[in-house]
Amino acid sequence: MIAKIDRDGCIGCGTCPDVCPEVFRMADDGLAEVYVDEVPEDAKEAAIEAQEACPVSVITVEE
């Protein structure tokens, strides 16, 4: 499973790293980023929750 963020649409709210810090973090430019190549098995549910919680729907989590 991989996660992606459309950083052009990210508003830097910080929700995704709050929900799933194993996959997402805030970058130096104030926007969220994915910092793993593959979502760890034990973080899959949290990654999907972060996708659903994103207020601007810029996160995609897929197999």
N, C-alpha and C. Protein backbone atom coordinates (compact mmCIF):
# COMPACT_ATOMS: atom_id res chain seq x y z
N MET A 1 0.85 -1.16 0.00
CA MET A 1 0.00 0.00 0.00
C MET A 1 0.89 1.23 0.00
N ILE A 2 0.53 2.21 -0.83
CA ILE A 2 1.30 3.45 -0.88
C ILE A 2 0.38 4.64 -0.61
N ALA A 3 0.98 5.70 -0.13
CA ALA A 3 0.24 6.94 0.13
C ALA A 3 0.86 8.05 -0.69
N LYS A 4 0.02 8.95 -1.16
CA LYS A 4 0.48 10.10 -1.94
C LYS A 4 -0.26 11.34 -1.45
N ILE A 5 0.40 12.47 -1.59
CA ILE A 5 -0.23 13.76 -1.28
C ILE A 5 -0.04 14.67 -2.48
N ASP A 6 -1.12 15.28 -2.92
CA ASP A 6 -1.05 16.33 -3.94
C ASP A 6 -0.67 17.61 -3.19
N ARG A 7 0.63 17.86 -3.12
CA ARG A 7 1.12 18.97 -2.30
C ARG A 7 0.66 20.33 -2.83
N ASP A 8 0.29 20.41 -4.11
CA ASP A 8 -0.22 21.68 -4.66
C ASP A 8 -1.52 22.09 -3.98
N GLY A 9 -2.28 21.12 -3.51
CA GLY A 9 -3.56 21.42 -2.87
C GLY A 9 -3.51 21.40 -1.35
N CYS A 10 -2.38 20.99 -0.79
CA CYS A 10 -2.24 20.88 0.66
C CYS A 10 -2.29 22.27 1.30
N ILE A 11 -3.03 22.37 2.41
CA ILE A 11 -3.14 23.65 3.12
C ILE A 11 -2.30 23.67 4.40
N GLY A 12 -1.58 22.57 4.66
CA GLY A 12 -0.69 22.53 5.82
C GLY A 12 -1.39 22.50 7.16
N CYS A 13 -2.55 21.87 7.22
CA CYS A 13 -3.33 21.86 8.46
C CYS A 13 -2.74 20.94 9.53
N GLY A 14 -1.95 19.93 9.12
CA GLY A 14 -1.32 19.03 10.07
C GLY A 14 -2.15 17.85 10.51
N THR A 15 -3.31 17.66 9.90
CA THR A 15 -4.17 16.54 10.29
C THR A 15 -3.53 15.19 10.00
N CYS A 16 -2.96 15.03 8.82
CA CYS A 16 -2.43 13.70 8.45
C CYS A 16 -1.30 13.24 9.37
N PRO A 17 -0.32 14.07 9.71
CA PRO A 17 0.69 13.56 10.65
C PRO A 17 0.15 13.37 12.06
N ASP A 18 -0.90 14.10 12.42
CA ASP A 18 -1.52 13.87 13.73
C ASP A 18 -2.18 12.50 13.77
N VAL A 19 -2.82 12.11 12.65
CA VAL A 19 -3.55 10.84 12.58
C VAL A 19 -2.61 9.66 12.30
N CYS A 20 -1.62 9.88 11.44
CA CYS A 20 -0.74 8.78 11.02
C CYS A 20 0.71 9.26 10.89
N PRO A 21 1.39 9.46 12.02
CA PRO A 21 2.78 9.95 11.97
C PRO A 21 3.77 8.93 11.41
N GLU A 22 3.35 7.68 11.27
CA GLU A 22 4.22 6.65 10.69
C GLU A 22 4.42 6.85 9.19
N VAL A 23 3.54 7.65 8.56
CA VAL A 23 3.56 7.83 7.10
C VAL A 23 3.72 9.30 6.70
N PHE A 24 3.10 10.18 7.44
CA PHE A 24 3.07 11.60 7.07
C PHE A 24 3.83 12.46 8.07
N ARG A 25 4.39 13.55 7.57
CA ARG A 25 5.04 14.54 8.43
C ARG A 25 4.91 15.90 7.75
N MET A 26 5.18 16.93 8.53
CA MET A 26 5.16 18.28 7.98
C MET A 26 6.58 18.59 7.48
N ALA A 27 6.67 19.05 6.26
CA ALA A 27 7.96 19.39 5.66
C ALA A 27 8.38 20.80 6.08
N ASP A 28 9.60 21.16 5.76
CA ASP A 28 10.12 22.47 6.12
C ASP A 28 9.34 23.61 5.48
N ASP A 29 8.66 23.34 4.36
CA ASP A 29 7.88 24.39 3.69
C ASP A 29 6.48 24.57 4.28
N GLY A 30 6.18 23.80 5.35
CA GLY A 30 4.88 23.93 6.02
C GLY A 30 3.78 23.06 5.45
N LEU A 31 4.10 22.28 4.44
CA LEU A 31 3.11 21.38 3.84
C LEU A 31 3.41 19.94 4.26
N ALA A 32 2.39 19.11 4.19
CA ALA A 32 2.57 17.70 4.56
C ALA A 32 3.30 16.96 3.46
N GLU A 33 3.97 15.88 3.87
CA GLU A 33 4.63 15.02 2.90
C GLU A 33 4.57 13.58 3.38
N VAL A 34 4.67 12.66 2.42
CA VAL A 34 4.79 11.23 2.71
C VAL A 34 6.28 10.95 2.80
N TYR A 35 6.72 10.31 3.88
CA TYR A 35 8.15 10.07 4.02
C TYR A 35 8.53 8.59 4.04
N VAL A 36 7.61 7.72 3.66
CA VAL A 36 7.92 6.29 3.54
C VAL A 36 7.56 5.82 2.13
N ASP A 37 8.27 4.82 1.64
CA ASP A 37 7.98 4.29 0.31
C ASP A 37 6.71 3.45 0.32
N GLU A 38 6.52 2.73 1.41
CA GLU A 38 5.33 1.88 1.53
C GLU A 38 4.76 2.02 2.94
N VAL A 39 3.44 2.07 3.01
CA VAL A 39 2.76 2.20 4.30
C VAL A 39 3.02 0.93 5.11
N PRO A 40 3.55 1.06 6.33
CA PRO A 40 3.77 -0.12 7.17
C PRO A 40 2.45 -0.84 7.46
N GLU A 41 2.53 -2.13 7.58
CA GLU A 41 1.33 -2.95 7.82
C GLU A 41 0.51 -2.43 9.00
N ASP A 42 1.16 -2.09 10.08
CA ASP A 42 0.44 -1.66 11.27
C ASP A 42 -0.07 -0.21 11.20
N ALA A 43 0.20 0.48 10.10
CA ALA A 43 -0.26 1.86 9.94
C ALA A 43 -1.29 2.02 8.82
N LYS A 44 -1.70 0.92 8.21
CA LYS A 44 -2.62 1.01 7.07
C LYS A 44 -3.95 1.64 7.44
N GLU A 45 -4.54 1.23 8.54
CA GLU A 45 -5.82 1.80 8.95
C GLU A 45 -5.69 3.29 9.24
N ALA A 46 -4.61 3.68 9.89
CA ALA A 46 -4.39 5.09 10.21
C ALA A 46 -4.16 5.91 8.94
N ALA A 47 -3.48 5.34 7.95
CA ALA A 47 -3.25 6.05 6.69
C ALA A 47 -4.57 6.31 5.98
N ILE A 48 -5.45 5.32 5.98
CA ILE A 48 -6.78 5.48 5.37
C ILE A 48 -7.59 6.51 6.16
N GLU A 49 -7.47 6.49 7.47
CA GLU A 49 -8.16 7.47 8.30
C GLU A 49 -7.65 8.89 8.00
N ALA A 50 -6.35 9.03 7.78
CA ALA A 50 -5.79 10.33 7.42
C ALA A 50 -6.33 10.80 6.08
N GLN A 51 -6.44 9.88 5.13
CA GLN A 51 -7.02 10.21 3.82
C GLN A 51 -8.44 10.74 3.99
N GLU A 52 -9.23 10.05 4.79
CA GLU A 52 -10.62 10.44 5.00
C GLU A 52 -10.75 11.74 5.80
N ALA A 53 -9.77 12.02 6.66
CA ALA A 53 -9.83 13.22 7.52
C ALA A 53 -9.29 14.47 6.82
N CYS A 54 -8.60 14.32 5.71
CA CYS A 54 -8.00 15.47 5.03
C CYS A 54 -9.10 16.44 4.59
N PRO A 55 -9.05 17.69 5.07
CA PRO A 55 -10.12 18.64 4.75
C PRO A 55 -10.14 19.09 3.30
N VAL A 56 -9.06 18.89 2.57
CA VAL A 56 -9.02 19.30 1.16
C VAL A 56 -8.86 18.11 0.21
N SER A 57 -8.97 16.90 0.75
CA SER A 57 -8.97 15.65 -0.04
C SER A 57 -7.79 15.54 -1.01
N VAL A 58 -6.58 15.78 -0.51
CA VAL A 58 -5.40 15.67 -1.37
C VAL A 58 -4.57 14.42 -1.10
N ILE A 59 -5.05 13.55 -0.21
CA ILE A 59 -4.34 12.32 0.12
C ILE A 59 -4.98 11.14 -0.60
N THR A 60 -4.13 10.30 -1.18
CA THR A 60 -4.58 9.07 -1.82
C THR A 60 -3.80 7.91 -1.19
N VAL A 61 -4.54 6.91 -0.73
CA VAL A 61 -3.93 5.70 -0.19
C VAL A 61 -4.46 4.55 -1.02
N GLU A 62 -3.55 3.78 -1.65
CA GLU A 62 -3.99 2.70 -2.53
C GLU A 62 -3.01 1.55 -2.50
N GLU A 63 -3.51 0.40 -2.93
CA GLU A 63 -2.67 -0.81 -3.00
C GLU A 63 -1.68 -0.69 -4.12
